[in-house]
Amino acid sequence: MPLIPEEPQIHESAQGPRVTPAGGRSAQTPRPVPGPRPAAPPRPGRPGPLRPTAPAQRTPRDTAPAAPAAVQIQVIPASADGALDAADEAVDMLLESGRAPGEVLVITTGAQHPWSAHELSFGEASYWAQHDARDDVFCTDAALASRAAQRPVVVVAVNGGPDDAVAAVLPLARTKASALLIVCGDSQRVNAVLAAGV
């Protein structure tokens, strides 16, 4: 049948790849290249290579209540006569290191701190109003310590008092401190009480 000029001619070379190369040689299979392979580019319509995902964030309702952080305990060796001075020095160091005065509570086991005695001379209402204001270091004694609120740092001056009073005030002071408990006193006496369960 004669070709019509409007019809395109189909040549044999346009029919697709040849099965055997020219010259009768067989085609070589590509050899793998040693070393790491580059990641394949993503194909259209399919996601790219799988990437590890970040762990799912917990929402506040899924979060269990946090356990209270452990309170650090520091013992400063001092005699009963020097415990109050050691406590005052500890407070000064805390304030110099950046602690706010309202974060510190001082408890004495023997005689009252001079500040506490002075402030109580104006009446208990004024004394406890200063406690509630949290503007300054607050000092109290073992007899009134249970009424004091929790503060980040509690400093205990073991400046006398019976052993049972000391044994009672140290566990109480531990509950009043949310970050740091500093105990100034006879280290053997203090450590014996602390080892008993503070």
N, C-alpha and C. Protein backbone atom coordinates (compact mmCIF):
# COMPACT_ATOMS: atom_id res chain seq x y z
N MET A 1 0.83 -1.15 0.00
CA MET A 1 0.00 0.00 0.00
C MET A 1 0.89 1.23 0.00
N PRO A 2 0.62 2.15 -0.87
CA PRO A 2 1.49 3.33 -0.94
C PRO A 2 1.27 4.24 0.26
N LEU A 3 2.31 4.89 0.68
CA LEU A 3 2.23 5.80 1.82
C LEU A 3 1.56 7.09 1.43
N ILE A 4 0.73 7.54 2.27
CA ILE A 4 0.08 8.82 2.06
C ILE A 4 0.96 9.86 2.72
N PRO A 5 1.21 10.98 2.04
CA PRO A 5 2.13 11.95 2.61
C PRO A 5 1.71 12.47 3.98
N GLU A 6 0.43 12.47 4.33
CA GLU A 6 -0.01 12.99 5.63
C GLU A 6 0.29 12.03 6.77
N GLU A 7 0.50 10.75 6.47
CA GLU A 7 0.74 9.78 7.54
C GLU A 7 2.23 9.81 7.93
N PRO A 8 2.53 9.83 9.22
CA PRO A 8 3.94 9.80 9.62
C PRO A 8 4.53 8.43 9.38
N GLN A 9 5.79 8.43 9.03
CA GLN A 9 6.47 7.16 8.83
C GLN A 9 7.06 6.69 10.16
N ILE A 10 6.99 5.41 10.42
CA ILE A 10 7.53 4.83 11.66
C ILE A 10 8.79 4.07 11.28
N HIS A 11 9.88 4.46 11.88
CA HIS A 11 11.16 3.80 11.61
C HIS A 11 11.40 2.74 12.65
N GLU A 12 12.17 1.75 12.30
CA GLU A 12 12.46 0.65 13.23
C GLU A 12 13.22 1.12 14.46
N SER A 13 14.07 2.12 14.32
CA SER A 13 14.87 2.57 15.45
C SER A 13 14.02 3.28 16.50
N ALA A 14 12.83 3.64 16.18
CA ALA A 14 11.98 4.36 17.12
C ALA A 14 11.07 3.43 17.91
N GLN A 15 11.29 2.13 17.82
CA GLN A 15 10.38 1.19 18.48
C GLN A 15 10.77 0.87 19.91
N GLY A 16 11.66 1.52 20.51
CA GLY A 16 12.02 1.25 21.91
C GLY A 16 13.43 0.73 22.01
N PRO A 17 13.86 0.43 23.21
CA PRO A 17 15.24 -0.02 23.40
C PRO A 17 15.46 -1.39 22.78
N ARG A 18 16.67 -1.58 22.32
CA ARG A 18 17.02 -2.87 21.74
C ARG A 18 17.36 -3.85 22.84
N VAL A 19 17.07 -5.09 22.59
CA VAL A 19 17.33 -6.14 23.57
C VAL A 19 18.81 -6.48 23.58
N THR A 20 19.43 -6.51 22.44
CA THR A 20 20.86 -6.80 22.37
C THR A 20 21.56 -5.62 21.75
N PRO A 21 22.71 -5.23 22.28
CA PRO A 21 23.42 -4.10 21.72
C PRO A 21 23.96 -4.42 20.35
N ALA A 22 24.32 -3.38 19.65
CA ALA A 22 24.89 -3.55 18.31
C ALA A 22 26.17 -4.33 18.41
N GLY A 23 26.46 -5.10 17.42
CA GLY A 23 27.69 -5.87 17.38
C GLY A 23 27.55 -7.20 18.06
N GLY A 24 26.39 -7.58 18.56
CA GLY A 24 26.17 -8.88 19.14
C GLY A 24 26.71 -9.05 20.55
N ARG A 25 27.22 -8.00 21.17
CA ARG A 25 27.73 -8.13 22.54
C ARG A 25 26.56 -8.10 23.52
N SER A 26 26.69 -8.83 24.61
CA SER A 26 25.62 -8.80 25.63
C SER A 26 25.82 -7.56 26.51
N ALA A 27 24.72 -7.03 27.00
CA ALA A 27 24.77 -5.82 27.84
C ALA A 27 25.32 -6.17 29.21
N GLN A 28 26.17 -5.31 29.76
CA GLN A 28 26.72 -5.54 31.09
C GLN A 28 25.75 -5.00 32.15
N THR A 29 25.67 -5.75 33.25
CA THR A 29 24.83 -5.29 34.37
C THR A 29 25.65 -4.28 35.17
N PRO A 30 25.03 -3.18 35.59
CA PRO A 30 25.79 -2.22 36.38
C PRO A 30 26.21 -2.83 37.70
N ARG A 31 27.46 -2.58 38.08
CA ARG A 31 27.99 -3.10 39.35
C ARG A 31 27.71 -2.09 40.46
N PRO A 32 27.43 -2.60 41.68
CA PRO A 32 27.19 -1.66 42.78
C PRO A 32 28.46 -0.89 43.12
N VAL A 33 28.29 0.35 43.48
CA VAL A 33 29.40 1.20 43.87
C VAL A 33 29.58 1.07 45.37
N PRO A 34 30.81 0.77 45.84
CA PRO A 34 31.00 0.65 47.29
C PRO A 34 30.80 2.01 47.99
N GLY A 35 30.42 1.93 49.26
CA GLY A 35 30.23 3.16 50.05
C GLY A 35 28.77 3.45 50.29
N PRO A 36 28.51 4.46 51.06
CA PRO A 36 27.11 4.77 51.38
C PRO A 36 26.37 5.27 50.15
N ARG A 37 25.14 4.88 50.08
CA ARG A 37 24.31 5.30 48.96
C ARG A 37 23.60 6.58 49.32
N PRO A 38 23.49 7.49 48.36
CA PRO A 38 22.73 8.70 48.66
C PRO A 38 21.26 8.35 48.78
N ALA A 39 20.55 9.14 49.57
CA ALA A 39 19.11 8.91 49.74
C ALA A 39 18.42 9.13 48.42
N ALA A 40 17.48 8.26 48.14
CA ALA A 40 16.75 8.38 46.88
C ALA A 40 15.86 9.61 46.93
N PRO A 41 15.77 10.34 45.83
CA PRO A 41 14.89 11.50 45.83
C PRO A 41 13.44 11.04 45.96
N PRO A 42 12.60 11.84 46.59
CA PRO A 42 11.21 11.41 46.75
C PRO A 42 10.53 11.28 45.40
N ARG A 43 9.71 10.27 45.29
CA ARG A 43 8.97 10.06 44.05
C ARG A 43 7.70 10.90 44.07
N PRO A 44 7.27 11.34 42.91
CA PRO A 44 6.02 12.11 42.87
C PRO A 44 4.87 11.28 43.42
N GLY A 45 4.07 11.91 44.26
CA GLY A 45 2.90 11.23 44.80
C GLY A 45 3.20 10.38 46.01
N ARG A 46 4.46 10.24 46.41
CA ARG A 46 4.83 9.45 47.59
C ARG A 46 5.66 10.32 48.51
N PRO A 47 5.53 10.11 49.79
CA PRO A 47 6.37 10.89 50.70
C PRO A 47 7.82 10.50 50.55
N GLY A 48 8.69 11.41 50.97
CA GLY A 48 10.12 11.16 50.90
C GLY A 48 10.53 10.06 51.86
N PRO A 49 11.83 9.89 52.06
CA PRO A 49 12.29 8.85 52.97
C PRO A 49 11.72 9.09 54.36
N LEU A 50 11.43 8.02 55.05
CA LEU A 50 10.87 8.15 56.40
C LEU A 50 11.89 8.80 57.33
N ARG A 51 11.43 9.78 58.06
CA ARG A 51 12.29 10.46 59.02
C ARG A 51 11.79 10.12 60.41
N PRO A 52 12.72 9.95 61.34
CA PRO A 52 12.24 9.70 62.70
C PRO A 52 11.47 10.91 63.21
N THR A 53 10.41 10.65 63.90
CA THR A 53 9.60 11.75 64.43
C THR A 53 9.96 11.98 65.88
N ALA A 54 9.78 13.21 66.32
CA ALA A 54 10.05 13.55 67.71
C ALA A 54 9.02 12.86 68.60
N PRO A 55 9.41 12.50 69.82
CA PRO A 55 8.43 11.87 70.70
C PRO A 55 7.26 12.82 70.95
N ALA A 56 6.11 12.25 71.08
CA ALA A 56 4.91 13.05 71.29
C ALA A 56 5.02 13.82 72.60
N GLN A 57 4.64 15.07 72.56
CA GLN A 57 4.66 15.89 73.77
C GLN A 57 3.44 15.56 74.62
N ARG A 58 3.66 15.47 75.91
CA ARG A 58 2.55 15.19 76.81
C ARG A 58 1.82 16.48 77.10
N THR A 59 0.55 16.41 77.08
CA THR A 59 -0.25 17.58 77.43
C THR A 59 -0.32 17.65 78.95
N PRO A 60 -0.60 18.85 79.49
CA PRO A 60 -0.63 18.97 80.95
C PRO A 60 -1.58 17.99 81.62
N ARG A 61 -2.67 17.63 80.96
CA ARG A 61 -3.59 16.70 81.61
C ARG A 61 -3.01 15.29 81.68
N ASP A 62 -2.05 14.96 80.78
CA ASP A 62 -1.42 13.64 80.80
C ASP A 62 -0.26 13.58 81.77
N THR A 63 0.20 14.70 82.24
CA THR A 63 1.40 14.74 83.08
C THR A 63 1.04 14.41 84.52
N ALA A 64 1.77 13.49 85.08
CA ALA A 64 1.57 13.16 86.49
C ALA A 64 2.13 14.29 87.34
N PRO A 65 1.59 14.50 88.52
CA PRO A 65 2.15 15.56 89.37
C PRO A 65 3.60 15.27 89.68
N ALA A 66 4.42 16.31 89.62
CA ALA A 66 5.85 16.15 89.84
C ALA A 66 6.13 15.86 91.31
N ALA A 67 7.07 14.97 91.53
CA ALA A 67 7.46 14.67 92.91
C ALA A 67 8.24 15.85 93.45
N PRO A 68 8.08 16.16 94.71
CA PRO A 68 8.82 17.30 95.25
C PRO A 68 10.32 17.05 95.16
N ALA A 69 11.03 18.09 94.81
CA ALA A 69 12.48 17.98 94.70
C ALA A 69 13.08 17.72 96.07
N ALA A 70 14.17 16.98 96.09
CA ALA A 70 14.82 16.67 97.35
C ALA A 70 15.44 17.94 97.94
N VAL A 71 15.26 18.10 99.23
CA VAL A 71 15.83 19.25 99.92
C VAL A 71 17.27 18.93 100.27
N GLN A 72 18.17 19.84 99.93
CA GLN A 72 19.57 19.66 100.30
C GLN A 72 19.73 20.01 101.77
N ILE A 73 20.56 19.24 102.45
CA ILE A 73 20.82 19.48 103.87
C ILE A 73 22.30 19.76 104.03
N GLN A 74 22.61 20.84 104.71
CA GLN A 74 23.99 21.22 104.97
C GLN A 74 24.16 21.42 106.47
N VAL A 75 25.19 20.83 107.03
CA VAL A 75 25.47 20.97 108.46
C VAL A 75 26.72 21.83 108.62
N ILE A 76 26.60 22.90 109.42
CA ILE A 76 27.74 23.76 109.73
C ILE A 76 28.11 23.53 111.19
N PRO A 77 29.28 22.92 111.44
CA PRO A 77 29.66 22.63 112.82
C PRO A 77 29.82 23.91 113.63
N ALA A 78 29.21 23.93 114.80
CA ALA A 78 29.31 25.09 115.70
C ALA A 78 28.92 24.63 117.10
N SER A 79 29.49 25.29 118.08
CA SER A 79 29.10 24.99 119.46
C SER A 79 27.73 25.62 119.70
N ALA A 80 27.12 25.25 120.82
CA ALA A 80 25.81 25.84 121.16
C ALA A 80 25.93 27.35 121.30
N ASP A 81 27.07 27.81 121.85
CA ASP A 81 27.27 29.26 122.01
C ASP A 81 27.52 29.96 120.67
N GLY A 82 28.10 29.26 119.71
CA GLY A 82 28.43 29.87 118.42
C GLY A 82 27.43 29.58 117.31
N ALA A 83 26.38 28.80 117.60
CA ALA A 83 25.43 28.39 116.56
C ALA A 83 24.66 29.58 115.99
N LEU A 84 24.30 30.53 116.84
CA LEU A 84 23.55 31.69 116.36
C LEU A 84 24.40 32.55 115.43
N ASP A 85 25.67 32.74 115.81
CA ASP A 85 26.59 33.50 114.93
C ASP A 85 26.80 32.77 113.60
N ALA A 86 26.93 31.44 113.67
CA ALA A 86 27.11 30.65 112.44
C ALA A 86 25.87 30.76 111.55
N ALA A 87 24.69 30.79 112.18
CA ALA A 87 23.45 30.92 111.41
C ALA A 87 23.39 32.29 110.74
N ASP A 88 23.77 33.34 111.48
CA ASP A 88 23.76 34.69 110.90
C ASP A 88 24.74 34.79 109.73
N GLU A 89 25.91 34.15 109.87
CA GLU A 89 26.88 34.15 108.78
C GLU A 89 26.34 33.40 107.56
N ALA A 90 25.65 32.29 107.82
CA ALA A 90 25.05 31.53 106.72
C ALA A 90 24.00 32.37 105.99
N VAL A 91 23.21 33.11 106.75
CA VAL A 91 22.19 33.98 106.14
C VAL A 91 22.87 35.06 105.30
N ASP A 92 23.93 35.66 105.85
CA ASP A 92 24.66 36.69 105.09
C ASP A 92 25.19 36.14 103.78
N MET A 93 25.73 34.93 103.81
CA MET A 93 26.26 34.31 102.59
C MET A 93 25.14 34.02 101.59
N LEU A 94 23.99 33.61 102.09
CA LEU A 94 22.85 33.35 101.20
C LEU A 94 22.42 34.63 100.50
N LEU A 95 22.34 35.72 101.26
CA LEU A 95 21.91 36.99 100.69
C LEU A 95 22.94 37.51 99.70
N GLU A 96 24.23 37.35 100.02
CA GLU A 96 25.29 37.79 99.11
C GLU A 96 25.30 36.97 97.82
N SER A 97 24.86 35.72 97.90
CA SER A 97 24.84 34.87 96.71
C SER A 97 23.61 35.10 95.85
N GLY A 98 22.71 35.98 96.30
CA GLY A 98 21.56 36.32 95.46
C GLY A 98 20.21 35.88 95.97
N ARG A 99 20.17 35.21 97.10
CA ARG A 99 18.88 34.83 97.67
C ARG A 99 18.13 36.08 98.13
N ALA A 100 16.84 36.09 97.89
CA ALA A 100 16.02 37.20 98.37
C ALA A 100 15.80 37.02 99.87
N PRO A 101 15.80 38.09 100.64
CA PRO A 101 15.61 37.96 102.09
C PRO A 101 14.33 37.21 102.47
N GLY A 102 13.27 37.42 101.70
CA GLY A 102 12.00 36.77 102.01
C GLY A 102 11.99 35.27 101.78
N GLU A 103 13.08 34.72 101.24
CA GLU A 103 13.18 33.27 101.00
C GLU A 103 13.80 32.52 102.16
N VAL A 104 14.18 33.24 103.23
CA VAL A 104 14.94 32.62 104.31
C VAL A 104 14.17 32.67 105.63
N LEU A 105 14.12 31.53 106.30
CA LEU A 105 13.53 31.39 107.63
C LEU A 105 14.62 30.90 108.57
N VAL A 106 14.75 31.55 109.72
CA VAL A 106 15.73 31.14 110.73
C VAL A 106 14.97 30.63 111.95
N ILE A 107 15.36 29.44 112.43
CA ILE A 107 14.74 28.84 113.61
C ILE A 107 15.83 28.60 114.65
N THR A 108 15.57 29.00 115.89
CA THR A 108 16.51 28.74 116.98
C THR A 108 15.91 27.67 117.90
N THR A 109 16.80 26.86 118.49
CA THR A 109 16.33 25.80 119.40
C THR A 109 16.44 26.21 120.86
N GLY A 110 17.29 27.20 121.13
CA GLY A 110 17.46 27.68 122.52
C GLY A 110 16.88 29.07 122.64
N ALA A 111 17.71 30.01 123.03
CA ALA A 111 17.26 31.40 123.19
C ALA A 111 16.81 31.96 121.85
N GLN A 112 15.86 32.88 121.88
CA GLN A 112 15.38 33.51 120.66
C GLN A 112 16.48 34.31 119.98
N HIS A 113 16.34 34.44 118.67
CA HIS A 113 17.23 35.31 117.91
C HIS A 113 16.96 36.74 118.39
N PRO A 114 17.98 37.60 118.52
CA PRO A 114 17.75 38.97 118.96
C PRO A 114 16.73 39.73 118.12
N TRP A 115 16.70 39.49 116.81
CA TRP A 115 15.71 40.15 115.95
C TRP A 115 14.31 39.73 116.35
N SER A 116 14.13 38.44 116.57
CA SER A 116 12.83 37.90 116.94
C SER A 116 12.36 38.49 118.27
N ALA A 117 13.26 38.53 119.25
CA ALA A 117 12.91 39.10 120.56
C ALA A 117 12.52 40.57 120.42
N HIS A 118 13.25 41.30 119.61
CA HIS A 118 12.96 42.72 119.40
C HIS A 118 11.59 42.91 118.75
N GLU A 119 11.31 42.16 117.69
CA GLU A 119 10.05 42.32 116.97
C GLU A 119 8.86 41.87 117.80
N LEU A 120 9.03 40.83 118.61
CA LEU A 120 7.94 40.38 119.47
C LEU A 120 7.61 41.41 120.56
N SER A 121 8.56 42.30 120.85
CA SER A 121 8.30 43.34 121.86
C SER A 121 7.22 44.32 121.36
N PHE A 122 6.96 44.35 120.07
CA PHE A 122 5.91 45.22 119.50
C PHE A 122 4.57 44.49 119.41
N GLY A 123 4.53 43.25 119.80
CA GLY A 123 3.30 42.47 119.77
C GLY A 123 3.32 41.38 118.71
N GLU A 124 2.57 40.33 118.99
CA GLU A 124 2.56 39.20 118.06
C GLU A 124 1.92 39.54 116.72
N ALA A 125 0.92 40.41 116.72
CA ALA A 125 0.26 40.76 115.45
C ALA A 125 1.25 41.39 114.48
N SER A 126 2.05 42.32 114.98
CA SER A 126 3.06 42.98 114.14
C SER A 126 4.13 41.98 113.69
N TYR A 127 4.52 41.11 114.63
CA TYR A 127 5.55 40.10 114.34
C TYR A 127 5.10 39.17 113.21
N TRP A 128 3.89 38.63 113.29
CA TRP A 128 3.40 37.70 112.28
C TRP A 128 3.03 38.42 110.98
N ALA A 129 2.70 39.71 111.06
CA ALA A 129 2.46 40.48 109.84
C ALA A 129 3.73 40.58 109.01
N GLN A 130 4.88 40.70 109.69
CA GLN A 130 6.16 40.71 108.96
C GLN A 130 6.42 39.35 108.32
N HIS A 131 6.05 38.30 109.02
CA HIS A 131 6.18 36.95 108.46
C HIS A 131 5.36 36.83 107.18
N ASP A 132 4.12 37.29 107.24
CA ASP A 132 3.21 37.15 106.10
C ASP A 132 3.62 38.03 104.92
N ALA A 133 4.27 39.16 105.21
CA ALA A 133 4.71 40.07 104.13
C ALA A 133 5.84 39.46 103.30
N ARG A 134 6.63 38.58 103.89
CA ARG A 134 7.76 37.91 103.20
C ARG A 134 8.73 38.90 102.57
N ASP A 135 8.92 40.05 103.21
CA ASP A 135 9.85 41.05 102.69
C ASP A 135 11.27 40.87 103.21
N ASP A 136 11.41 40.13 104.31
CA ASP A 136 12.70 40.05 104.96
C ASP A 136 12.91 38.65 105.52
N VAL A 137 14.15 38.40 105.97
CA VAL A 137 14.45 37.16 106.68
C VAL A 137 13.55 37.13 107.91
N PHE A 138 12.96 35.98 108.18
CA PHE A 138 12.09 35.88 109.34
C PHE A 138 12.73 34.92 110.33
N CYS A 139 12.78 35.34 111.60
CA CYS A 139 13.37 34.52 112.65
C CYS A 139 12.30 34.13 113.66
N THR A 140 12.36 32.88 114.08
CA THR A 140 11.43 32.38 115.09
C THR A 140 12.15 31.34 115.92
N ASP A 141 11.49 30.88 116.98
CA ASP A 141 12.12 29.84 117.79
C ASP A 141 11.36 28.53 117.60
N ALA A 142 11.90 27.48 118.20
CA ALA A 142 11.33 26.15 118.01
C ALA A 142 9.88 26.07 118.46
N ALA A 143 9.52 26.84 119.50
CA ALA A 143 8.15 26.79 120.02
C ALA A 143 7.13 27.36 119.03
N LEU A 144 7.54 28.33 118.21
CA LEU A 144 6.62 28.98 117.27
C LEU A 144 6.83 28.54 115.82
N ALA A 145 7.82 27.70 115.58
CA ALA A 145 8.21 27.35 114.20
C ALA A 145 7.10 26.66 113.43
N SER A 146 6.23 25.93 114.10
CA SER A 146 5.17 25.23 113.38
C SER A 146 4.21 26.20 112.70
N ARG A 147 4.13 27.42 113.21
CA ARG A 147 3.23 28.43 112.64
C ARG A 147 3.83 29.09 111.39
N ALA A 148 5.14 29.00 111.22
CA ALA A 148 5.81 29.64 110.07
C ALA A 148 5.49 28.90 108.78
N ALA A 149 5.42 29.68 107.71
CA ALA A 149 5.14 29.10 106.38
C ALA A 149 6.42 28.54 105.78
N GLN A 150 6.23 27.69 104.78
CA GLN A 150 7.38 27.11 104.07
C GLN A 150 8.12 28.20 103.30
N ARG A 151 9.44 28.09 103.29
CA ARG A 151 10.30 29.00 102.52
C ARG A 151 11.36 28.16 101.82
N PRO A 152 11.98 28.71 100.77
CA PRO A 152 13.00 27.92 100.07
C PRO A 152 14.16 27.49 100.96
N VAL A 153 14.60 28.37 101.88
CA VAL A 153 15.75 28.05 102.72
C VAL A 153 15.37 28.21 104.19
N VAL A 154 15.72 27.19 104.97
CA VAL A 154 15.54 27.26 106.41
C VAL A 154 16.91 27.06 107.05
N VAL A 155 17.25 27.97 107.97
CA VAL A 155 18.50 27.88 108.72
C VAL A 155 18.13 27.63 110.17
N VAL A 156 18.67 26.54 110.74
CA VAL A 156 18.40 26.20 112.13
C VAL A 156 19.67 26.43 112.94
N ALA A 157 19.53 27.22 114.01
CA ALA A 157 20.64 27.42 114.94
C ALA A 157 20.36 26.54 116.16
N VAL A 158 21.17 25.49 116.33
CA VAL A 158 21.02 24.61 117.49
C VAL A 158 21.82 25.26 118.61
N ASN A 159 21.20 26.27 119.21
CA ASN A 159 21.88 27.09 120.22
C ASN A 159 21.39 26.75 121.63
N GLY A 160 21.18 25.49 121.86
CA GLY A 160 20.73 25.04 123.18
C GLY A 160 19.39 24.35 123.07
N GLY A 161 18.77 24.19 124.22
CA GLY A 161 17.49 23.51 124.27
C GLY A 161 17.69 22.03 124.53
N PRO A 162 16.65 21.39 125.04
CA PRO A 162 16.75 19.95 125.33
C PRO A 162 16.84 19.12 124.05
N ASP A 163 17.38 17.92 124.19
CA ASP A 163 17.56 17.04 123.03
C ASP A 163 16.24 16.74 122.33
N ASP A 164 15.16 16.57 123.12
CA ASP A 164 13.89 16.25 122.48
C ASP A 164 13.36 17.43 121.66
N ALA A 165 13.67 18.66 122.08
CA ALA A 165 13.24 19.84 121.32
C ALA A 165 14.02 19.90 120.00
N VAL A 166 15.31 19.61 120.06
CA VAL A 166 16.13 19.59 118.85
C VAL A 166 15.64 18.47 117.92
N ALA A 167 15.36 17.32 118.51
CA ALA A 167 14.88 16.18 117.71
C ALA A 167 13.53 16.50 117.06
N ALA A 168 12.73 17.34 117.68
CA ALA A 168 11.43 17.70 117.10
C ALA A 168 11.55 18.80 116.07
N VAL A 169 12.46 19.76 116.28
CA VAL A 169 12.53 20.91 115.38
C VAL A 169 13.21 20.57 114.05
N LEU A 170 14.14 19.66 114.03
CA LEU A 170 14.82 19.36 112.77
C LEU A 170 13.89 18.72 111.73
N PRO A 171 13.06 17.74 112.10
CA PRO A 171 12.10 17.25 111.09
C PRO A 171 11.10 18.33 110.67
N LEU A 172 10.70 19.19 111.60
CA LEU A 172 9.80 20.29 111.26
C LEU A 172 10.48 21.26 110.30
N ALA A 173 11.74 21.59 110.58
CA ALA A 173 12.48 22.50 109.71
C ALA A 173 12.63 21.89 108.31
N ARG A 174 12.78 20.59 108.25
CA ARG A 174 12.90 19.90 106.95
C ARG A 174 11.63 20.08 106.13
N THR A 175 10.47 20.07 106.78
CA THR A 175 9.21 20.26 106.04
C THR A 175 9.00 21.72 105.67
N LYS A 176 9.62 22.64 106.39
CA LYS A 176 9.46 24.07 106.10
C LYS A 176 10.38 24.52 104.96
N ALA A 177 11.44 23.75 104.69
CA ALA A 177 12.40 24.11 103.62
C ALA A 177 11.99 23.44 102.32
N SER A 178 11.90 24.23 101.24
CA SER A 178 11.56 23.63 99.96
C SER A 178 12.80 23.37 99.10
N ALA A 179 13.95 23.96 99.45
CA ALA A 179 15.16 23.76 98.63
C ALA A 179 16.38 23.41 99.47
N LEU A 180 16.59 24.12 100.57
CA LEU A 180 17.84 23.97 101.33
C LEU A 180 17.58 24.09 102.83
N LEU A 181 18.13 23.16 103.58
CA LEU A 181 18.09 23.20 105.05
C LEU A 181 19.53 23.29 105.53
N ILE A 182 19.83 24.35 106.28
CA ILE A 182 21.16 24.53 106.86
C ILE A 182 21.02 24.41 108.36
N VAL A 183 21.80 23.53 108.97
CA VAL A 183 21.74 23.33 110.42
C VAL A 183 23.09 23.70 111.00
N CYS A 184 23.09 24.67 111.92
CA CYS A 184 24.32 25.12 112.58
C CYS A 184 24.28 24.61 114.01
N GLY A 185 25.26 23.77 114.35
CA GLY A 185 25.29 23.22 115.70
C GLY A 185 26.31 22.13 115.82
N ASP A 186 26.28 21.45 116.96
CA ASP A 186 27.19 20.34 117.22
C ASP A 186 26.94 19.25 116.18
N SER A 187 27.94 18.98 115.35
CA SER A 187 27.71 18.08 114.21
C SER A 187 27.32 16.68 114.65
N GLN A 188 27.87 16.17 115.76
CA GLN A 188 27.50 14.81 116.20
C GLN A 188 26.04 14.78 116.64
N ARG A 189 25.64 15.79 117.37
CA ARG A 189 24.25 15.86 117.83
C ARG A 189 23.28 16.01 116.64
N VAL A 190 23.64 16.91 115.73
CA VAL A 190 22.78 17.15 114.56
C VAL A 190 22.72 15.91 113.67
N ASN A 191 23.86 15.31 113.40
CA ASN A 191 23.88 14.13 112.52
C ASN A 191 23.12 12.97 113.13
N ALA A 192 23.17 12.83 114.45
CA ALA A 192 22.41 11.77 115.11
C ALA A 192 20.91 11.96 114.88
N VAL A 193 20.46 13.21 114.99
CA VAL A 193 19.03 13.49 114.76
C VAL A 193 18.69 13.31 113.29
N LEU A 194 19.54 13.82 112.39
CA LEU A 194 19.28 13.70 110.96
C LEU A 194 19.25 12.25 110.53
N ALA A 195 20.15 11.42 111.08
CA ALA A 195 20.20 10.01 110.72
C ALA A 195 18.96 9.28 111.23
N ALA A 196 18.32 9.82 112.25
CA ALA A 196 17.14 9.17 112.82
C ALA A 196 15.90 9.38 111.98
N GLY A 197 16.00 10.14 110.89
CA GLY A 197 14.84 10.20 110.02
C GLY A 197 14.42 11.56 109.52
N VAL A 198 15.26 12.55 109.54
CA VAL A 198 14.88 13.84 108.96
C VAL A 198 14.86 13.70 107.46
